C-alpha atoms as a PDB file:
ATOM      1  CA  MET A   1      27.111  -6.064 -18.963  1.00  0.00           C
ATOM      2  CA  ALA A   2      23.696  -6.916 -20.495  1.00  0.00           C
ATOM      3  CA  ARG A   3      21.296  -4.040 -20.985  1.00  0.00           C
ATOM      4  CA  ARG A   4      18.451  -3.863 -18.481  1.00  0.00           C
ATOM      5  CA  ARG A   5      14.872  -2.763 -19.132  1.00  0.00           C
ATOM      6  CA  LEU A   6      13.486  -0.445 -16.460  1.00  0.00           C
ATOM      7  CA  LEU A   7      10.006   1.004 -15.950  1.00  0.00           C
ATOM      8  CA  LEU A   8       9.888   4.334 -14.127  1.00  0.00           C
ATOM      9  CA  LEU A   9       6.486   4.644 -12.436  1.00  0.00           C
ATOM     10  CA  LEU A  10       5.679   8.183 -11.353  1.00  0.00           C
ATOM     11  CA  LYS A  11       3.258   9.734  -8.916  1.00  0.00           C
ATOM     12  CA  PRO A  12       1.546  12.659 -10.738  1.00  0.00           C
ATOM     13  CA  PHE A  13       3.063  16.006  -9.817  1.00  0.00           C
ATOM     14  CA  ASP A  14       0.185  18.348 -10.784  1.00  0.00           C
ATOM     15  CA  VAL A  15      -2.128  17.616  -7.853  1.00  0.00           C
ATOM     16  CA  PHE A  16      -1.688  20.983  -6.133  1.00  0.00           C
ATOM     17  CA  GLN A  17      -1.616  24.106  -8.284  1.00  0.00           C
ATOM     18  CA  PHE A  18      -2.200  27.570  -6.911  1.00  0.00           C
ATOM     19  CA  GLY A  19      -1.759  31.105  -8.132  1.00  0.00           C
ATOM     20  CA  GLN A  20      -3.390  33.347 -10.717  1.00  0.00           C
ATOM     21  CA  SER A  21      -6.152  32.267 -13.053  1.00  0.00           C
ATOM     22  CA  GLY A  22      -7.477  34.002 -16.150  1.00  0.00           C
ATOM     23  CA  GLY A  23      -5.637  37.245 -15.456  1.00  0.00           C
ATOM     24  CA  ALA A  24      -7.420  37.794 -12.153  1.00  0.00           C
ATOM     25  CA  SER A  25      -5.663  39.466  -9.275  1.00  0.00           C
ATOM     26  CA  PRO A  26      -3.425  37.235  -7.128  1.00  0.00           C
ATOM     27  CA  ILE A  27      -5.258  35.048  -4.636  1.00  0.00           C
ATOM     28  CA  THR A  28      -4.100  35.051  -1.047  1.00  0.00           C
ATOM     29  CA  VAL A  29      -3.043  31.468  -0.425  1.00  0.00           C
ATOM     30  CA  PRO A  30      -3.028  30.081   3.124  1.00  0.00           C
ATOM     31  CA  GLN A  31       0.265  28.864   4.495  1.00  0.00           C
ATOM     32  CA  ALA A  32      -0.813  25.204   4.272  1.00  0.00           C
ATOM     33  CA  PHE A  33      -1.656  25.563   0.559  1.00  0.00           C
ATOM     34  CA  ARG A  34       1.696  27.194  -0.168  1.00  0.00           C
ATOM     35  CA  TYR A  35       3.345  24.312   1.679  1.00  0.00           C
ATOM     36  CA  LEU A  36       1.467  21.747  -0.429  1.00  0.00           C
ATOM     37  CA  ASP A  37       2.392  23.553  -3.617  1.00  0.00           C
ATOM     38  CA  ASN A  38       6.013  23.447  -2.551  1.00  0.00           C
ATOM     39  CA  ARG A  39       5.665  19.699  -2.034  1.00  0.00           C
ATOM     40  CA  ARG A  40       4.510  19.398  -5.642  1.00  0.00           C
ATOM     41  CA  LYS A  41       7.601  21.279  -6.797  1.00  0.00           C
ATOM     42  CA  VAL A  42       9.900  19.094  -4.695  1.00  0.00           C
ATOM     43  CA  HIS A  43       8.304  15.960  -6.148  1.00  0.00           C
ATOM     44  CA  LYS A  44       8.651  17.278  -9.706  1.00  0.00           C
ATOM     45  CA  ASP A  45      12.326  18.045  -9.067  1.00  0.00           C
ATOM     46  CA  ALA A  46      12.783  14.500  -7.753  1.00  0.00           C
ATOM     47  CA  ILE A  47      11.313  13.070 -10.961  1.00  0.00           C
ATOM     48  CA  ASN A  48      13.616  15.196 -13.091  1.00  0.00           C
ATOM     49  CA  PHE A  49      16.608  14.198 -10.965  1.00  0.00           C
ATOM     50  CA  CYS A  50      15.890  10.463 -11.298  1.00  0.00           C
ATOM     51  CA  GLN A  51      15.397  10.800 -15.041  1.00  0.00           C
ATOM     52  CA  ASP A  52      18.713  12.634 -15.359  1.00  0.00           C
ATOM     53  CA  ILE A  53      20.422   9.765 -13.526  1.00  0.00           C
ATOM     54  CA  LEU A  54      18.856   7.205 -15.851  1.00  0.00           C
ATOM     55  CA  ARG A  55      19.894   9.152 -18.953  1.00  0.00           C
ATOM     56  CA  LYS A  56      23.522   8.737 -17.876  1.00  0.00           C
ATOM     57  CA  LYS A  57      23.255   4.942 -17.635  1.00  0.00           C
ATOM     58  CA  SER A  58      24.372   3.413 -20.931  1.00  0.00           C
ATOM     59  CA  ASN A  59      23.357  -0.086 -19.815  1.00  0.00           C
ATOM     60  CA  ILE A  60      19.673   0.763 -19.182  1.00  0.00           C
ATOM     61  CA  ASP A  61      16.711   1.095 -21.524  1.00  0.00           C
ATOM     62  CA  TRP A  62      13.958   2.850 -19.607  1.00  0.00           C
ATOM     63  CA  GLU A  63      10.559   4.416 -20.062  1.00  0.00           C
ATOM     64  CA  PRO A  64       8.444   6.570 -17.735  1.00  0.00           C
ATOM     65  CA  ILE A  65       4.724   6.248 -17.043  1.00  0.00           C
ATOM     66  CA  LEU A  66       2.392   8.039 -14.641  1.00  0.00           C
ATOM     67  CA  ARG A  67       0.793   5.663 -12.170  1.00  0.00           C
ATOM     68  CA  THR A  68      -2.637   6.977 -13.231  1.00  0.00           C
ATOM     69  CA  ASN A  69      -1.985   5.639 -16.745  1.00  0.00           C
ATOM     70  CA  LEU A  70      -1.082   2.133 -15.603  1.00  0.00           C
ATOM     71  CA  SER A  71      -3.835  -0.279 -16.651  1.00  0.00           C
ATOM     72  CA  GLN A  72      -2.162  -3.521 -17.772  1.00  0.00           C
ATOM     73  CA  PRO A  73       0.038  -6.055 -15.961  1.00  0.00           C
ATOM     74  CA  ILE A  74       3.708  -5.065 -16.044  1.00  0.00           C
ATOM     75  CA  ARG A  75       5.691  -7.446 -18.226  1.00  0.00           C
ATOM     76  CA  ASN A  76       9.068  -7.617 -19.970  1.00  0.00           C
ATOM     77  CA  PHE A  77      10.962  -5.388 -17.546  1.00  0.00           C
ATOM     78  CA  ASP A  78      13.910  -6.261 -15.338  1.00  0.00           C
ATOM     79  CA  LEU A  79      13.130  -3.639 -12.702  1.00  0.00           C
ATOM     80  CA  VAL A  80      10.357  -1.239 -11.728  1.00  0.00           C
ATOM     81  CA  VAL A  81      11.332   2.024 -10.020  1.00  0.00           C
ATOM     82  CA  THR A  82       8.548   3.994  -8.363  1.00  0.00           C
ATOM     83  CA  VAL A  83       8.997   7.698  -7.578  1.00  0.00           C
ATOM     84  CA  GLY A  84       6.598   9.021  -4.956  1.00  0.00           C
ATOM     85  CA  GLY A  85       5.952   7.245  -1.678  1.00  0.00           C
ATOM     86  CA  ASP A  86       4.571   3.977  -0.375  1.00  0.00           C
ATOM     87  CA  GLY A  87       1.268   4.630  -2.171  1.00  0.00           C
ATOM     88  CA  THR A  88       2.974   4.621  -5.564  1.00  0.00           C
ATOM     89  CA  LEU A  89       4.776   1.384  -4.758  1.00  0.00           C
ATOM     90  CA  LEU A  90       1.499  -0.157  -3.543  1.00  0.00           C
ATOM     91  CA  GLN A  91      -0.187   0.786  -6.808  1.00  0.00           C
ATOM     92  CA  ALA A  92       2.651  -0.792  -8.780  1.00  0.00           C
ATOM     93  CA  SER A  93       2.270  -4.003  -6.763  1.00  0.00           C
ATOM     94  CA  HIS A  94      -1.236  -4.546  -8.159  1.00  0.00           C
ATOM     95  CA  PHE A  95       0.261  -4.917 -11.643  1.00  0.00           C
ATOM     96  CA  LEU A  96       3.236  -7.119 -10.700  1.00  0.00           C
ATOM     97  CA  ASP A  97       3.686 -10.836 -10.162  1.00  0.00           C
ATOM     98  CA  ASP A  98       6.628 -12.344  -8.290  1.00  0.00           C
ATOM     99  CA  SER A  99       9.103 -12.132 -11.203  1.00  0.00           C
ATOM    100  CA  ILE A 100       9.943  -8.411 -11.405  1.00  0.00           C
ATOM    101  CA  PRO A 101      11.494  -6.579  -8.415  1.00  0.00           C
ATOM    102  CA  VAL A 102      10.488  -3.059  -7.462  1.00  0.00           C
ATOM    103  CA  LEU A 103      12.536  -0.226  -5.993  1.00  0.00           C
ATOM    104  CA  GLY A 104      10.745   2.634  -4.283  1.00  0.00           C
ATOM    105  CA  VAL A 105      12.205   6.156  -4.320  1.00  0.00           C
ATOM    106  CA  ASN A 106      10.729   8.424  -1.650  1.00  0.00           C
ATOM    107  CA  SER A 107      10.539  11.717  -3.508  1.00  0.00           C
ATOM    108  CA  ASP A 108       9.718  13.907  -0.494  1.00  0.00           C
ATOM    109  CA  PRO A 109      10.590  12.394   2.905  1.00  0.00           C
ATOM    110  CA  THR A 110       9.291  13.935   6.121  1.00  0.00           C
ATOM    111  CA  GLN A 111      11.550  16.636   7.565  1.00  0.00           C
ATOM    112  CA  VAL A 112      11.435  16.730  11.355  1.00  0.00           C
ATOM    113  CA  LYS A 113      12.309  20.430  11.544  1.00  0.00           C
ATOM    114  CA  GLU A 114       9.399  21.328   9.260  1.00  0.00           C
ATOM    115  CA  VAL A 115       6.968  19.228  11.278  1.00  0.00           C
ATOM    116  CA  GLU A 116       8.038  21.099  14.398  1.00  0.00           C
ATOM    117  CA  LYS A 117       7.952  24.504  12.662  1.00  0.00           C
ATOM    118  CA  PHE A 118       4.353  24.160  11.459  1.00  0.00           C
ATOM    119  CA  SER A 119       2.997  22.052  14.345  1.00  0.00           C
ATOM    120  CA  ASN A 120       0.698  24.866  15.542  1.00  0.00           C
ATOM    121  CA  GLU A 121      -0.761  25.424  12.057  1.00  0.00           C
ATOM    122  CA  PHE A 122      -1.085  22.067  10.270  1.00  0.00           C
ATOM    123  CA  ASP A 123       0.434  18.607   9.975  1.00  0.00           C
ATOM    124  CA  ALA A 124       3.590  18.929   7.862  1.00  0.00           C
ATOM    125  CA  THR A 125       4.305  15.189   7.817  1.00  0.00           C
ATOM    126  CA  ARG A 126       5.223  13.991   4.340  1.00  0.00           C
ATOM    127  CA  SER A 127       5.690  10.487   2.986  1.00  0.00           C
ATOM    128  CA  THR A 128       6.860   7.854   5.460  1.00  0.00           C
ATOM    129  CA  GLY A 129       8.372   5.757   2.685  1.00  0.00           C
ATOM    130  CA  TYR A 130       8.514   2.642   4.840  1.00  0.00           C
ATOM    131  CA  LEU A 131       8.900   0.456   1.732  1.00  0.00           C
ATOM    132  CA  CYS A 132      11.164   2.856  -0.182  1.00  0.00           C
ATOM    133  CA  ALA A 133      14.829   1.899  -0.208  1.00  0.00           C
ATOM    134  CA  ALA A 134      16.046   5.162  -1.742  1.00  0.00           C
ATOM    135  CA  THR A 135      15.643   8.922  -1.784  1.00  0.00           C
ATOM    136  CA  VAL A 136      16.891  11.205  -4.541  1.00  0.00           C
ATOM    137  CA  HIS A 137      20.169  11.535  -2.640  1.00  0.00           C
ATOM    138  CA  SER A 138      20.826   7.790  -2.578  1.00  0.00           C
ATOM    139  CA  PHE A 139      19.048   6.731  -5.782  1.00  0.00           C
ATOM    140  CA  GLU A 140      22.081   6.433  -8.044  1.00  0.00           C
ATOM    141  CA  GLN A 141      24.129   4.448  -5.527  1.00  0.00           C
ATOM    142  CA  VAL A 142      21.236   2.093  -4.726  1.00  0.00           C
ATOM    143  CA  LEU A 143      20.525   1.609  -8.427  1.00  0.00           C
ATOM    144  CA  ASP A 144      24.185   0.859  -9.169  1.00  0.00           C
ATOM    145  CA  ASP A 145      24.252  -1.687  -6.321  1.00  0.00           C
ATOM    146  CA  ILE A 146      21.150  -3.391  -7.739  1.00  0.00           C
ATOM    147  CA  LEU A 147      22.551  -3.525 -11.270  1.00  0.00           C
ATOM    148  CA  ALA A 148      25.825  -4.947  -9.936  1.00  0.00           C
ATOM    149  CA  GLY A 149      23.975  -7.628  -7.960  1.00  0.00           C
ATOM    150  CA  GLN A 150      25.216  -6.222  -4.650  1.00  0.00           C
ATOM    151  CA  LYS A 151      21.710  -5.468  -3.347  1.00  0.00           C
ATOM    152  CA  LEU A 152      19.015  -8.144  -3.484  1.00  0.00           C
ATOM    153  CA  PRO A 153      15.241  -7.824  -3.100  1.00  0.00           C
ATOM    154  CA  SER A 154      13.213  -9.274  -0.241  1.00  0.00           C
ATOM    155  CA  ASN A 155      10.104 -11.381  -0.747  1.00  0.00           C
ATOM    156  CA  LEU A 156       7.127  -9.691   0.911  1.00  0.00           C
ATOM    157  CA  SER A 157       3.931 -11.618   1.584  1.00  0.00           C
ATOM    158  CA  ARG A 158       0.662 -10.518   0.041  1.00  0.00           C
ATOM    159  CA  ILE A 159      -2.960 -11.339   0.816  1.00  0.00           C
ATOM    160  CA  SER A 160      -4.900 -13.585  -1.531  1.00  0.00           C
ATOM    161  CA  LEU A 161      -8.685 -13.065  -1.632  1.00  0.00           C
ATOM    162  CA  SER A 162     -11.629 -14.998  -2.979  1.00  0.00           C
ATOM    163  CA  VAL A 163     -15.346 -14.257  -2.894  1.00  0.00           C
ATOM    164  CA  ASN A 164     -17.717 -17.211  -3.080  1.00  0.00           C
ATOM    165  CA  SER A 165     -14.701 -19.367  -4.033  1.00  0.00           C
ATOM    166  CA  GLN A 166     -13.849 -17.087  -6.987  1.00  0.00           C
ATOM    167  CA  PRO A 167     -10.318 -15.595  -6.678  1.00  0.00           C
ATOM    168  CA  LEU A 168      -9.969 -11.825  -6.977  1.00  0.00           C
ATOM    169  CA  SER A 169      -7.359 -10.593  -9.439  1.00  0.00           C
ATOM    170  CA  SER A 170      -5.712  -8.134  -7.017  1.00  0.00           C
ATOM    171  CA  TYR A 171      -3.442  -9.068  -4.120  1.00  0.00           C
ATOM    172  CA  ALA A 172      -2.957  -6.834  -1.093  1.00  0.00           C
ATOM    173  CA  LEU A 173       0.588  -5.870  -0.160  1.00  0.00           C
ATOM    174  CA  ASN A 174      -0.506  -3.670   2.746  1.00  0.00           C
ATOM    175  CA  ASP A 175      -3.948  -4.566   4.046  1.00  0.00           C
ATOM    176  CA  VAL A 176      -7.570  -5.373   3.332  1.00  0.00           C
ATOM    177  CA  LEU A 177     -10.561  -3.611   4.866  1.00  0.00           C
ATOM    178  CA  ILE A 178     -14.020  -5.201   4.657  1.00  0.00           C
ATOM    179  CA  ALA A 179     -16.747  -2.753   5.620  1.00  0.00           C
ATOM    180  CA  ASP A 180     -19.999  -1.098   4.655  1.00  0.00           C
ATOM    181  CA  PRO A 181     -19.485   1.637   2.017  1.00  0.00           C
ATOM    182  CA  CYS A 182     -20.891   4.097   4.573  1.00  0.00           C
ATOM    183  CA  PRO A 183     -18.464   4.334   7.540  1.00  0.00           C
ATOM    184  CA  ALA A 184     -21.307   5.182   9.947  1.00  0.00           C
ATOM    185  CA  THR A 185     -23.177   1.937   9.207  1.00  0.00           C
ATOM    186  CA  VAL A 186     -22.809  -1.112  11.448  1.00  0.00           C
ATOM    187  CA  SER A 187     -21.475  -4.184   9.641  1.00  0.00           C
ATOM    188  CA  ARG A 188     -22.590  -7.689  10.541  1.00  0.00           C
ATOM    189  CA  PHE A 189     -20.341 -10.618   9.738  1.00  0.00           C
ATOM    190  CA  SER A 190     -18.759 -13.739  11.163  1.00  0.00           C
ATOM    191  CA  PHE A 191     -15.384 -15.382  10.675  1.00  0.00           C
ATOM    192  CA  ARG A 192     -13.310 -18.340  11.700  1.00  0.00           C
ATOM    193  CA  ILE A 193      -9.727 -19.473  11.202  1.00  0.00           C
ATOM    194  CA  GLN A 194      -9.196 -22.677   9.250  1.00  0.00           C
ATOM    195  CA  ARG A 195      -6.407 -24.926   8.052  1.00  0.00           C
ATOM    196  CA  ASP A 196      -6.659 -27.099   4.939  1.00  0.00           C
ATOM    197  CA  GLY A 197     -10.351 -26.271   4.713  1.00  0.00           C
ATOM    198  CA  GLU A 198     -11.055 -27.488   8.241  1.00  0.00           C
ATOM    199  CA  SER A 199     -11.954 -25.220  11.149  1.00  0.00           C
ATOM    200  CA  CYS A 200      -9.185 -24.751  13.733  1.00  0.00           C
ATOM    201  CA  GLY A 201     -10.833 -21.959  15.716  1.00  0.00           C
ATOM    202  CA  PRO A 202     -14.247 -20.889  17.013  1.00  0.00           C
ATOM    203  CA  LEU A 203     -16.846 -19.070  14.940  1.00  0.00           C
ATOM    204  CA  VAL A 204     -16.755 -15.364  15.853  1.00  0.00           C
ATOM    205  CA  ASN A 205     -19.915 -13.312  15.276  1.00  0.00           C
ATOM    206  CA  CYS A 206     -19.419  -9.554  14.954  1.00  0.00           C
ATOM    207  CA  ARG A 207     -21.234  -6.269  14.833  1.00  0.00           C
ATOM    208  CA  SER A 208     -18.687  -3.577  14.186  1.00  0.00           C
ATOM    209  CA  SER A 209     -17.418  -0.993  11.713  1.00  0.00           C
ATOM    210  CA  GLY A 210     -15.627  -3.669   9.719  1.00  0.00           C
ATOM    211  CA  LEU A 211     -12.732  -6.103   9.587  1.00  0.00           C
ATOM    212  CA  ARG A 212      -9.112  -5.299   8.737  1.00  0.00           C
ATOM    213  CA  VAL A 213      -6.463  -7.858   7.759  1.00  0.00           C
ATOM    214  CA  SER A 214      -2.851  -6.789   7.186  1.00  0.00           C
ATOM    215  CA  THR A 215       0.363  -8.317   5.954  1.00  0.00           C
ATOM    216  CA  ALA A 216       3.584  -8.006   7.928  1.00  0.00           C
ATOM    217  CA  ALA A 217       4.630  -5.099   5.691  1.00  0.00           C
ATOM    218  CA  GLY A 218       1.275  -3.418   6.282  1.00  0.00           C
ATOM    219  CA  SER A 219       1.247  -3.987  10.029  1.00  0.00           C
ATOM    220  CA  THR A 220       3.018  -0.645  10.592  1.00  0.00           C
ATOM    221  CA  ALA A 221       0.252   1.287   8.807  1.00  0.00           C
ATOM    222  CA  ALA A 222      -3.470   1.405   9.718  1.00  0.00           C
ATOM    223  CA  MET A 223      -3.207  -1.770  11.787  1.00  0.00           C
ATOM    224  CA  LEU A 224      -0.634  -0.227  14.110  1.00  0.00           C
ATOM    225  CA  SER A 225      -2.620   3.017  14.326  1.00  0.00           C
ATOM    226  CA  ALA A 226      -5.690   1.032  15.408  1.00  0.00           C
ATOM    227  CA  GLY A 227      -3.823  -0.639  18.269  1.00  0.00           C
ATOM    228  CA  GLY A 228      -2.244  -3.605  16.520  1.00  0.00           C
ATOM    229  CA  PHE A 229       1.436  -4.445  16.590  1.00  0.00           C
ATOM    230  CA  ALA A 230       4.296  -4.264  14.117  1.00  0.00           C
ATOM    231  CA  MET A 231       5.380  -7.625  12.725  1.00  0.00           C
ATOM    232  CA  PRO A 232       8.760  -8.680  11.323  1.00  0.00           C
ATOM    233  CA  VAL A 233       8.564  -7.461   7.741  1.00  0.00           C
ATOM    234  CA  LEU A 234       9.455 -10.857   6.232  1.00  0.00           C
ATOM    235  CA  SER A 235       6.848 -12.768   8.249  1.00  0.00           C
ATOM    236  CA  GLU A 236       4.375 -14.776   6.177  1.00  0.00           C
ATOM    237  CA  ASP A 237       1.665 -14.487   8.855  1.00  0.00           C
ATOM    238  CA  LEU A 238      -1.262 -12.072   8.656  1.00  0.00           C
ATOM    239  CA  GLN A 239      -2.755  -9.945  11.427  1.00  0.00           C
ATOM    240  CA  TYR A 240      -6.474  -9.266  11.765  1.00  0.00           C
ATOM    241  CA  MET A 241      -8.525  -6.847  13.843  1.00  0.00           C
ATOM    242  CA  VAL A 242     -12.255  -6.278  14.162  1.00  0.00           C
ATOM    243  CA  ARG A 243     -12.772  -2.504  14.019  1.00  0.00           C
ATOM    244  CA  GLU A 244     -14.742  -1.005  16.898  1.00  0.00           C
ATOM    245  CA  PRO A 245     -16.637  -4.137  17.950  1.00  0.00           C
ATOM    246  CA  ILE A 246     -20.027  -3.544  19.557  1.00  0.00           C
ATOM    247  CA  SER A 247     -20.587  -5.425  22.855  1.00  0.00           C
ATOM    248  CA  PRO A 248     -18.130  -8.240  22.091  1.00  0.00           C
ATOM    249  CA  GLY A 249     -18.486  -9.720  25.578  1.00  0.00           C
ATOM    250  CA  ALA A 250     -16.355 -12.800  26.182  1.00  0.00           C
ATOM    251  CA  GLU A 251     -15.310 -12.830  22.516  1.00  0.00           C
ATOM    252  CA  ILE A 252     -13.232  -9.649  22.924  1.00  0.00           C
ATOM    253  CA  ARG A 253     -10.050 -11.760  22.979  1.00  0.00           C
ATOM    254  CA  LEU A 254     -10.943 -13.103  19.513  1.00  0.00           C
ATOM    255  CA  MET A 255     -11.333  -9.662  17.932  1.00  0.00           C
ATOM    256  CA  HIS A 256      -7.615  -9.331  17.244  1.00  0.00           C
ATOM    257  CA  GLY A 257      -5.190 -12.068  16.311  1.00  0.00           C
ATOM    258  CA  ILE A 258      -2.900 -13.818  13.858  1.00  0.00           C
ATOM    259  CA  ILE A 259      -3.601 -15.922  10.784  1.00  0.00           C
ATOM    260  CA  LYS A 260      -0.605 -18.239  10.441  1.00  0.00           C
ATOM    261  CA  SER A 261       0.978 -18.844   7.055  1.00  0.00           C
ATOM    262  CA  ASP A 262      -0.599 -22.330   6.855  1.00  0.00           C
ATOM    263  CA  GLN A 263      -4.043 -21.000   7.817  1.00  0.00           C
ATOM    264  CA  SER A 264      -6.776 -18.917   6.192  1.00  0.00           C
ATOM    265  CA  MET A 265      -9.691 -16.843   7.402  1.00  0.00           C
ATOM    266  CA  LYS A 266     -13.184 -17.504   6.104  1.00  0.00           C
ATOM    267  CA  ALA A 267     -15.680 -14.707   6.698  1.00  0.00           C
ATOM    268  CA  SER A 268     -19.412 -14.553   5.963  1.00  0.00           C
ATOM    269  CA  TRP A 269     -21.047 -11.196   5.257  1.00  0.00           C
ATOM    270  CA  PHE A 270     -24.502 -10.569   6.723  1.00  0.00           C
ATOM    271  CA  SER A 271     -25.083  -6.897   5.897  1.00  0.00           C
ATOM    272  CA  LYS A 272     -27.083  -5.741   2.875  1.00  0.00           C
ATOM    273  CA  LYS A 273     -23.973  -4.492   1.100  1.00  0.00           C
ATOM    274  CA  GLY A 274     -20.259  -4.166   1.687  1.00  0.00           C
ATOM    275  CA  VAL A 275     -16.938  -3.408   0.056  1.00  0.00           C
ATOM    276  CA  ILE A 276     -13.552  -5.114   0.143  1.00  0.00           C
ATOM    277  CA  TYR A 277     -10.945  -2.346  -0.024  1.00  0.00           C
ATOM    278  CA  ILE A 278      -7.498  -3.517  -1.142  1.00  0.00           C
ATOM    279  CA  ASP A 279      -4.511  -1.351  -0.130  1.00  0.00           C
ATOM    280  CA  GLY A 280      -6.639   1.749   0.302  1.00  0.00           C
ATOM    281  CA  SER A 281      -9.694   3.081  -1.497  1.00  0.00           C
ATOM    282  CA  HIS A 282      -8.695   2.841  -5.177  1.00  0.00           C
ATOM    283  CA  VAL A 283      -8.951  -0.946  -5.593  1.00  0.00           C
ATOM    284  CA  PHE A 284     -12.175  -2.451  -4.268  1.00  0.00           C
ATOM    285  CA  HIS A 285     -14.717  -5.219  -4.779  1.00  0.00           C
ATOM    286  CA  SER A 286     -18.398  -5.001  -3.829  1.00  0.00           C
ATOM    287  CA  ILE A 287     -20.036  -7.747  -1.776  1.00  0.00           C
ATOM    288  CA  GLN A 288     -23.572  -8.412  -0.560  1.00  0.00           C
ATOM    289  CA  HIS A 289     -25.511 -10.343   2.053  1.00  0.00           C
ATOM    290  CA  GLY A 290     -24.580 -14.009   2.150  1.00  0.00           C
ATOM    291  CA  ASP A 291     -21.229 -13.681   0.403  1.00  0.00           C
ATOM    292  CA  SER A 292     -18.299 -15.723   1.656  1.00  0.00           C
ATOM    293  CA  ILE A 293     -14.803 -14.207   1.703  1.00  0.00           C
ATOM    294  CA  GLU A 294     -11.589 -16.168   2.171  1.00  0.00           C
ATOM    295  CA  LEU A 295      -8.227 -14.552   2.944  1.00  0.00           C
ATOM    296  CA  SER A 296      -4.760 -16.070   3.240  1.00  0.00           C
ATOM    297  CA  SER A 297      -1.085 -15.297   2.601  1.00  0.00           C
ATOM    298  CA  LYS A 298      -0.926 -17.822  -0.238  1.00  0.00           C
ATOM    299  CA  ALA A 299      -0.658 -15.069  -2.857  1.00  0.00           C
ATOM    300  CA  PRO A 300       2.527 -14.747  -4.943  1.00  0.00           C
ATOM    301  CA  SER A 301       5.065 -12.732  -2.981  1.00  0.00           C
ATOM    302  CA  LEU A 302       6.380  -9.391  -4.210  1.00  0.00           C
ATOM    303  CA  LYS A 303      10.096  -8.727  -4.663  1.00  0.00           C
ATOM    304  CA  VAL A 304      10.886  -5.376  -3.032  1.00  0.00           C
ATOM    305  CA  PHE A 305      14.224  -3.702  -2.332  1.00  0.00           C
ATOM    306  CA  LEU A 306      13.904  -2.636   1.299  1.00  0.00           C
ATOM    307  CA  PRO A 307      15.747   0.143   3.151  1.00  0.00           C
END
């Protein structure tokens, strides 16, 4: 069997650190902080476990990298394995084209009993791992199935973006939010659906807190929480929703809908400033009054091993 090259992309495990400092007396740590520190330890153990599995594989050349140190497109690997949650896989997607598949390992899945135990104190929900096909318990078996060709990746649609006809370098695997950088500020914009550059829907004028567009994979995240609906994960359509529209009147029915795979949305921005957030807050692009934004699902797909 030919040797495979694997990149192990890791969520940092030193986010929460509590305890003594500089020889001072012990600090009383609230229950929630102790819980978070335990999550860090569980995640670190998951990283060590996955690395131990990889060390046993004689047919794999692999190298680890923290996701915070990833700055260049990922090339010359046969597989990317992310250890963390959906956020780590999303970050990897911004450095991948449609040639290298990615496997997500959920390092710390939500435990129902813990959520119930701490429900009166804090939210003990952990990573959902909707896009992660493995946990530490199943990682070796899933990896072996992939290497043997018994498990194949799915092609997930992504959102392609351009501003003033200039394509942005990042594609969205989850969703795009277009809004003012201050969440309390009203955004003014318009949009219409088009096909082959020609309008196939009415112009919709909006005053709201912004516009969200999601892929099928991202429809179970913020879109669903805002009142949207879950889409079949392999759908090539996009879903859009105007956030908190102000006095939409008869246009209320146009504030939420679908952009078909052969369509695009063209939006015009009429506020002084704005930001296009791509898959969360870490990847963004600033816009200003008069800018034109086009969104579609014509981006290269991403190969993901799904649960």
